[in-house]
PDB file of N, CA and C in Angstrom:
ATOM      1  N   UNK A   1     121.610  -0.858-148.657  1.00  0.00           N
ATOM      2  CA  UNK A   1     122.375  -1.411-147.556  1.00  0.00           C
ATOM      3  C   UNK A   1     121.579  -1.194-146.274  1.00  0.00           C
ATOM      4  N   UNK A   2     121.664  -2.164-145.368  1.00  0.00           N
ATOM      5  CA  UNK A   2     120.938  -2.120-144.105  1.00  0.00           C
ATOM      6  C   UNK A   2     121.932  -2.197-142.945  1.00  0.00           C
ATOM      7  N   UNK A   3     121.426  -1.957-141.746  1.00  0.00           N
ATOM      8  CA  UNK A   3     122.248  -2.075-140.541  1.00  0.00           C
ATOM      9  C   UNK A   3     121.797  -3.312-139.765  1.00  0.00           C
ATOM     10  N   UNK A   4     122.765  -4.043-139.230  1.00  0.00           N
ATOM     11  CA  UNK A   4     122.480  -5.237-138.439  1.00  0.00           C
ATOM     12  C   UNK A   4     123.257  -5.164-137.131  1.00  0.00           C
ATOM     13  N   UNK A   5     122.659  -5.700-136.077  1.00  0.00           N
ATOM     14  CA  UNK A   5     123.344  -5.860-134.797  1.00  0.00           C
ATOM     15  C   UNK A   5     123.733  -7.327-134.686  1.00  0.00           C
ATOM     16  N   UNK A   6     125.032  -7.590-134.656  1.00  0.00           N
ATOM     17  CA  UNK A   6     125.545  -8.957-134.587  1.00  0.00           C
ATOM     18  C   UNK A   6     126.042  -9.193-133.165  1.00  0.00           C
ATOM     19  N   UNK A   7     125.533 -10.239-132.528  1.00  0.00           N
ATOM     20  CA  UNK A   7     125.933 -10.594-131.156  1.00  0.00           C
ATOM     21  C   UNK A   7     126.489 -12.003-131.136  1.00  0.00           C
ATOM     22  N   UNK A   8     127.421 -12.232-130.225  1.00  0.00           N
ATOM     23  CA  UNK A   8     128.001 -13.555-130.094  1.00  0.00           C
ATOM     24  C   UNK A   8     129.173 -13.562-129.141  1.00  0.00           C
ATOM     25  N   UNK A   9     130.019 -14.581-129.272  1.00  0.00           N
ATOM     26  CA  UNK A   9     131.222 -14.715-128.456  1.00  0.00           C
ATOM     27  C   UNK A   9     132.380 -15.131-129.354  1.00  0.00           C
ATOM     28  N   UNK A  10     133.579 -14.831-128.889  1.00  0.00           N
ATOM     29  CA  UNK A  10     134.774 -15.322-129.570  1.00  0.00           C
ATOM     30  C   UNK A  10     135.814 -15.669-128.529  1.00  0.00           C
ATOM     31  N   UNK A  11     136.704 -16.568-128.907  1.00  0.00           N
ATOM     32  CA  UNK A  11     137.715 -17.060-127.971  1.00  0.00           C
ATOM     33  C   UNK A  11     138.888 -16.097-127.929  1.00  0.00           C
ATOM     34  N   UNK A  12     139.190 -15.620-126.727  1.00  0.00           N
ATOM     35  CA  UNK A  12     140.296 -14.694-126.510  1.00  0.00           C
ATOM     36  C   UNK A  12     141.179 -15.330-125.437  1.00  0.00           C
ATOM     37  N   UNK A  13     142.218 -16.041-125.873  1.00  0.00           N
ATOM     38  CA  UNK A  13     143.044 -16.785-124.932  1.00  0.00           C
ATOM     39  C   UNK A  13     142.250 -17.969-124.407  1.00  0.00           C
ATOM     40  N   UNK A  14     142.243 -18.190-123.087  1.00  0.00           N
ATOM     41  CA  UNK A  14     141.492 -19.323-122.544  1.00  0.00           C
ATOM     42  C   UNK A  14     140.014 -19.021-122.307  1.00  0.00           C
ATOM     43  N   UNK A  15     139.597 -17.759-122.433  1.00  0.00           N
ATOM     44  CA  UNK A  15     138.221 -17.366-122.114  1.00  0.00           C
ATOM     45  C   UNK A  15     137.440 -17.009-123.382  1.00  0.00           C
ATOM     46  N   UNK A  16     136.126 -17.041-123.261  1.00  0.00           N
ATOM     47  CA  UNK A  16     135.238 -16.613-124.340  1.00  0.00           C
ATOM     48  C   UNK A  16     134.765 -15.204-124.030  1.00  0.00           C
ATOM     49  N   UNK A  17     134.947 -14.289-124.984  1.00  0.00           N
ATOM     50  CA  UNK A  17     134.602 -12.877-124.821  1.00  0.00           C
ATOM     51  C   UNK A  17     133.300 -12.583-125.581  1.00  0.00           C
ATOM     52  N   UNK A  18     132.352 -11.909-124.925  1.00  0.00           N
ATOM     53  CA  UNK A  18     131.105 -11.523-125.584  1.00  0.00           C
ATOM     54  C   UNK A  18     131.339 -10.290-126.445  1.00  0.00           C
ATOM     55  N   UNK A  19     130.547 -10.162-127.508  1.00  0.00           N
ATOM     56  CA  UNK A  19     130.606  -8.959-128.328  1.00  0.00           C
ATOM     57  C   UNK A  19     129.217  -8.661-128.891  1.00  0.00           C
ATOM     58  N   UNK A  20     129.002  -7.396-129.189  1.00  0.00           N
ATOM     59  CA  UNK A  20     127.813  -6.921-129.896  1.00  0.00           C
ATOM     60  C   UNK A  20     128.272  -5.740-130.735  1.00  0.00           C
ATOM     61  N   UNK A  21     128.027  -5.807-132.031  1.00  0.00           N
ATOM     62  CA  UNK A  21     128.528  -4.763-132.928  1.00  0.00           C
ATOM     63  C   UNK A  21     127.520  -4.487-134.027  1.00  0.00           C
ATOM     64  N   UNK A  22     127.356  -3.200-134.347  1.00  0.00           N
ATOM     65  CA  UNK A  22     126.527  -2.787-135.467  1.00  0.00           C
ATOM     66  C   UNK A  22     127.361  -2.864-136.737  1.00  0.00           C
ATOM     67  N   UNK A  23     126.772  -3.451-137.789  1.00  0.00           N
ATOM     68  CA  UNK A  23     127.497  -3.680-139.033  1.00  0.00           C
ATOM     69  C   UNK A  23     126.602  -3.293-140.205  1.00  0.00           C
ATOM     70  N   UNK A  24     127.116  -2.512-141.171  1.00  0.00           N
ATOM     71  CA  UNK A  24     126.338  -2.279-142.389  1.00  0.00           C
ATOM     72  C   UNK A  24     126.560  -3.423-143.375  1.00  0.00           C
ATOM     73  N   UNK A  25     125.468  -3.949-143.951  1.00  0.00           N
ATOM     74  CA  UNK A  25     125.587  -5.056-144.897  1.00  0.00           C
ATOM     75  C   UNK A  25     124.312  -5.162-145.727  1.00  0.00           C
ATOM     76  N   UNK A  26     124.385  -5.937-146.803  1.00  0.00           N
ATOM     77  CA  UNK A  26     123.224  -6.148-147.671  1.00  0.00           C
ATOM     78  C   UNK A  26     122.198  -7.088-147.047  1.00  0.00           C
ATOM     79  N   UNK A  27     122.692  -8.154-146.375  1.00  0.00           N
ATOM     80  CA  UNK A  27     121.789  -9.107-145.726  1.00  0.00           C
ATOM     81  C   UNK A  27     122.471  -9.691-144.498  1.00  0.00           C
ATOM     82  N   UNK A  28     121.767 -10.580-143.781  1.00  0.00           N
ATOM     83  CA  UNK A  28     122.284 -11.135-142.529  1.00  0.00           C
ATOM     84  C   UNK A  28     123.542 -11.968-142.751  1.00  0.00           C
ATOM     85  N   UNK A  29     123.597 -12.734-143.841  1.00  0.00           N
ATOM     86  CA  UNK A  29     124.782 -13.552-144.120  1.00  0.00           C
ATOM     87  C   UNK A  29     126.006 -12.679-144.356  1.00  0.00           C
ATOM     88  N   UNK A  30     125.829 -11.576-145.064  1.00  0.00           N
ATOM     89  CA  UNK A  30     126.944 -10.659-145.316  1.00  0.00           C
ATOM     90  C   UNK A  30     127.396  -9.992-144.022  1.00  0.00           C
ATOM     91  N   UNK A  31     126.456  -9.721-143.114  1.00  0.00           N
ATOM     92  CA  UNK A  31     126.799  -9.125-141.821  1.00  0.00           C
ATOM     93  C   UNK A  31     127.635 -10.088-140.985  1.00  0.00           C
ATOM     94  N   UNK A  32     127.270 -11.365-140.998  1.00  0.00           N
ATOM     95  CA  UNK A  32     128.047 -12.378-140.262  1.00  0.00           C
ATOM     96  C   UNK A  32     129.440 -12.501-140.862  1.00  0.00           C
ATOM     97  N   UNK A  33     129.531 -12.551-142.175  1.00  0.00           N
ATOM     98  CA  UNK A  33     130.830 -12.664-142.849  1.00  0.00           C
ATOM     99  C   UNK A  33     131.718 -11.470-142.516  1.00  0.00           C
ATOM    100  N   UNK A  34     131.142 -10.284-142.530  1.00  0.00           N
ATOM    101  CA  UNK A  34     131.909  -9.082-142.207  1.00  0.00           C
ATOM    102  C   UNK A  34     132.401  -9.097-140.760  1.00  0.00           C
ATOM    103  N   UNK A  35     131.552  -9.561-139.839  1.00  0.00           N
ATOM    104  CA  UNK A  35     131.929  -9.605-138.423  1.00  0.00           C
ATOM    105  C   UNK A  35     133.048 -10.615-138.187  1.00  0.00           C
ATOM    106  N   UNK A  36     132.937 -11.792-138.785  1.00  0.00           N
ATOM    107  CA  UNK A  36     133.973 -12.822-138.634  1.00  0.00           C
ATOM    108  C   UNK A  36     135.290 -12.325-139.223  1.00  0.00           C
ATOM    109  N   UNK A  37     135.209 -11.674-140.362  1.00  0.00           N
ATOM    110  CA  UNK A  37     136.401 -11.129-141.007  1.00  0.00           C
ATOM    111  C   UNK A  37     137.043 -10.047-140.138  1.00  0.00           C
ATOM    112  N   UNK A  38     136.221  -9.183-139.561  1.00  0.00           N
ATOM    113  CA  UNK A  38     136.737  -8.101-138.721  1.00  0.00           C
ATOM    114  C   UNK A  38     137.396  -8.638-137.445  1.00  0.00           C
ATOM    115  N   UNK A  39     136.767  -9.624-136.807  1.00  0.00           N
ATOM    116  CA  UNK A  39     137.371 -10.218-135.606  1.00  0.00           C
ATOM    117  C   UNK A  39     138.684 -10.909-135.945  1.00  0.00           C
ATOM    118  N   UNK A  40     138.736 -11.558-137.092  1.00  0.00           N
ATOM    119  CA  UNK A  40     139.963 -12.224-137.507  1.00  0.00           C
ATOM    120  C   UNK A  40     141.085 -11.247-137.769  1.00  0.00           C
ATOM    121  N   UNK A  41     140.770 -10.115-138.371  1.00  0.00           N
ATOM    122  CA  UNK A  41     141.830  -9.163-138.696  1.00  0.00           C
ATOM    123  C   UNK A  41     142.281  -8.352-137.488  1.00  0.00           C
ATOM    124  N   UNK A  42     141.361  -7.989-136.603  1.00  0.00           N
ATOM    125  CA  UNK A  42     141.723  -7.146-135.463  1.00  0.00           C
ATOM    126  C   UNK A  42     142.246  -7.930-134.269  1.00  0.00           C
ATOM    127  N   UNK A  43     141.703  -9.149-134.061  1.00  0.00           N
ATOM    128  CA  UNK A  43     142.067  -9.919-132.874  1.00  0.00           C
ATOM    129  C   UNK A  43     142.753 -11.241-133.187  1.00  0.00           C
ATOM    130  N   UNK A  44     142.979 -11.512-134.485  1.00  0.00           N
ATOM    131  CA  UNK A  44     143.634 -12.759-134.915  1.00  0.00           C
ATOM    132  C   UNK A  44     142.883 -13.994-134.420  1.00  0.00           C
ATOM    133  N   UNK A  45     141.557 -13.946-134.525  1.00  0.00           N
ATOM    134  CA  UNK A  45     140.707 -15.047-134.103  1.00  0.00           C
ATOM    135  C   UNK A  45     140.351 -15.887-135.325  1.00  0.00           C
ATOM    136  N   UNK A  46     140.513 -17.188-135.226  1.00  0.00           N
ATOM    137  CA  UNK A  46     140.137 -18.075-136.317  1.00  0.00           C
ATOM    138  C   UNK A  46     138.616 -18.185-136.383  1.00  0.00           C
ATOM    139  N   UNK A  47     138.128 -18.499-137.572  1.00  0.00           N
ATOM    140  CA  UNK A  47     136.681 -18.558-137.784  1.00  0.00           C
ATOM    141  C   UNK A  47     135.985 -19.577-136.883  1.00  0.00           C
ATOM    142  N   UNK A  48     136.640 -20.693-136.594  1.00  0.00           N
ATOM    143  CA  UNK A  48     135.982 -21.694-135.754  1.00  0.00           C
ATOM    144  C   UNK A  48     135.965 -21.296-134.274  1.00  0.00           C
ATOM    145  N   UNK A  49     136.578 -20.176-133.906  1.00  0.00           N
ATOM    146  CA  UNK A  49     136.515 -19.660-132.540  1.00  0.00           C
ATOM    147  C   UNK A  49     135.551 -18.490-132.413  1.00  0.00           C
ATOM    148  N   UNK A  50     134.723 -18.273-133.426  1.00  0.00           N
ATOM    149  CA  UNK A  50     133.705 -17.227-133.386  1.00  0.00           C
ATOM    150  C   UNK A  50     132.345 -17.905-133.401  1.00  0.00           C
ATOM    151  N   UNK A  51     131.510 -17.585-132.414  1.00  0.00           N
ATOM    152  CA  UNK A  51     130.158 -18.132-132.331  1.00  0.00           C
ATOM    153  C   UNK A  51     129.169 -16.979-132.394  1.00  0.00           C
ATOM    154  N   UNK A  52     128.365 -16.963-133.429  1.00  0.00           N
ATOM    155  CA  UNK A  52     127.366 -15.923-133.607  1.00  0.00           C
ATOM    156  C   UNK A  52     126.082 -16.374-132.914  1.00  0.00           C
ATOM    157  N   UNK A  53     125.585 -15.545-131.998  1.00  0.00           N
ATOM    158  CA  UNK A  53     124.358 -15.870-131.276  1.00  0.00           C
ATOM    159  C   UNK A  53     123.136 -15.452-132.078  1.00  0.00           C
ATOM    160  N   UNK A  54     123.102 -14.179-132.529  1.00  0.00           N
ATOM    161  CA  UNK A  54     121.986 -13.715-133.339  1.00  0.00           C
ATOM    162  C   UNK A  54     122.382 -12.509-134.171  1.00  0.00           C
ATOM    163  N   UNK A  55     121.617 -12.305-135.229  1.00  0.00           N
ATOM    164  CA  UNK A  55     121.800 -11.168-136.134  1.00  0.00           C
ATOM    165  C   UNK A  55     120.432 -10.494-136.251  1.00  0.00           C
ATOM    166  N   UNK A  56     120.364  -9.229-135.835  1.00  0.00           N
ATOM    167  CA  UNK A  56     119.104  -8.505-135.806  1.00  0.00           C
ATOM    168  C   UNK A  56     119.180  -7.266-136.696  1.00  0.00           C
ATOM    169  N   UNK A  57     118.241  -7.099-137.627  1.00  0.00           N
ATOM    170  CA  UNK A  57     118.230  -5.849-138.398  1.00  0.00           C
ATOM    171  C   UNK A  57     117.763  -4.698-137.507  1.00  0.00           C
ATOM    172  N   UNK A  58     118.387  -3.544-137.670  1.00  0.00           N
ATOM    173  CA  UNK A  58     117.999  -2.380-136.881  1.00  0.00           C
ATOM    174  C   UNK A  58     117.702  -1.213-137.825  1.00  0.00           C
ATOM    175  N   UNK A  59     116.707  -0.387-137.476  1.00  0.00           N
ATOM    176  CA  UNK A  59     116.394   0.778-138.310  1.00  0.00           C
ATOM    177  C   UNK A  59     117.541   1.786-138.293  1.00  0.00           C
ATOM    178  N   UNK A  60     117.673   2.528-139.375  1.00  0.00           N
ATOM    179  CA  UNK A  60     118.771   3.491-139.510  1.00  0.00           C
ATOM    180  C   UNK A  60     118.725   4.545-138.413  1.00  0.00           C
ATOM    181  N   UNK A  61     117.540   4.968-138.010  1.00  0.00           N
ATOM    182  CA  UNK A  61     117.446   6.019-136.993  1.00  0.00           C
ATOM    183  C   UNK A  61     117.840   5.542-135.597  1.00  0.00           C
ATOM    184  N   UNK A  62     117.958   4.227-135.368  1.00  0.00           N
ATOM    185  CA  UNK A  62     118.373   3.701-134.066  1.00  0.00           C
ATOM    186  C   UNK A  62     119.845   3.275-134.031  1.00  0.00           C
ATOM    187  N   UNK A  63     120.568   3.467-135.120  1.00  0.00           N
ATOM    188  CA  UNK A  63     121.986   3.100-135.178  1.00  0.00           C
ATOM    189  C   UNK A  63     122.785   4.049-134.284  1.00  0.00           C
ATOM    190  N   UNK A  64     123.610   3.488-133.396  1.00  0.00           N
ATOM    191  CA  UNK A  64     124.414   4.267-132.459  1.00  0.00           C
ATOM    192  C   UNK A  64     125.801   4.603-133.001  1.00  0.00           C
ATOM    193  N   UNK A  65     126.385   3.692-133.762  1.00  0.00           N
ATOM    194  CA  UNK A  65     127.747   3.856-134.272  1.00  0.00           C
ATOM    195  C   UNK A  65     127.768   4.904-135.392  1.00  0.00           C
ATOM    196  N   UNK A  66     128.515   6.009-135.221  1.00  0.00           N
ATOM    197  CA  UNK A  66     128.516   7.051-136.246  1.00  0.00           C
ATOM    198  C   UNK A  66     129.118   6.605-137.578  1.00  0.00           C
ATOM    199  N   UNK A  67     130.041   5.682-137.567  1.00  0.00           N
ATOM    200  CA  UNK A  67     130.634   5.185-138.808  1.00  0.00           C
ATOM    201  C   UNK A  67     129.594   4.404-139.613  1.00  0.00           C
ATOM    202  N   UNK A  68     128.837   3.559-138.945  1.00  0.00           N
ATOM    203  CA  UNK A  68     127.788   2.782-139.611  1.00  0.00           C
ATOM    204  C   UNK A  68     126.705   3.724-140.128  1.00  0.00           C
ATOM    205  N   UNK A  69     126.312   4.694-139.331  1.00  0.00           N
ATOM    206  CA  UNK A  69     125.290   5.653-139.740  1.00  0.00           C
ATOM    207  C   UNK A  69     125.738   6.422-140.987  1.00  0.00           C
ATOM    208  N   UNK A  70     127.010   6.822-141.027  1.00  0.00           N
ATOM    209  CA  UNK A  70     127.538   7.533-142.185  1.00  0.00           C
ATOM    210  C   UNK A  70     127.522   6.666-143.437  1.00  0.00           C
ATOM    211  N   UNK A  71     127.914   5.392-143.282  1.00  0.00           N
ATOM    212  CA  UNK A  71     127.937   4.483-144.437  1.00  0.00           C
ATOM    213  C   UNK A  71     126.549   4.198-144.967  1.00  0.00           C
ATOM    214  N   UNK A  72     125.521   4.341-144.114  1.00  0.00           N
ATOM    215  CA  UNK A  72     124.150   4.101-144.554  1.00  0.00           C
ATOM    216  C   UNK A  72     123.516   5.343-145.159  1.00  0.00           C
ATOM    217  N   UNK A  73     124.225   6.467-145.090  1.00  0.00           N
ATOM    218  CA  UNK A  73     123.719   7.690-145.693  1.00  0.00           C
ATOM    219  C   UNK A  73     122.987   8.607-144.733  1.00  0.00           C
ATOM    220  N   UNK A  74     123.002   8.275-143.457  1.00  0.00           N
ATOM    221  CA  UNK A  74     122.355   9.133-142.463  1.00  0.00           C
ATOM    222  C   UNK A  74     123.302  10.181-141.937  1.00  0.00           C
ATOM    223  N   UNK A  75     122.788  11.121-141.171  1.00  0.00           N
ATOM    224  CA  UNK A  75     123.645  12.154-140.576  1.00  0.00           C
ATOM    225  C   UNK A  75     124.323  11.586-139.334  1.00  0.00           C
ATOM    226  N   UNK A  76     125.574  11.971-139.059  1.00  0.00           N
ATOM    227  CA  UNK A  76     126.307  11.420-137.910  1.00  0.00           C
ATOM    228  C   UNK A  76     125.822  11.868-136.585  1.00  0.00           C
TER     229      UNK A  76
END
């Protein structure tokens, strides 16, 4: 499993909100799917209101989120 930084925007009411989140996943497509799923469950955003700008792989030692670091097997 690898860590990815997913950046983009999603529609929150009448405005578009920017986001950047570290996500553990097998590949970039799985990271996008996980991010869209998470935004839908937490913010009730439909998939067509999520725009992914870029997906960047990041090394495990540069991961900031302790939950992601733990899931990758690193120390928190």
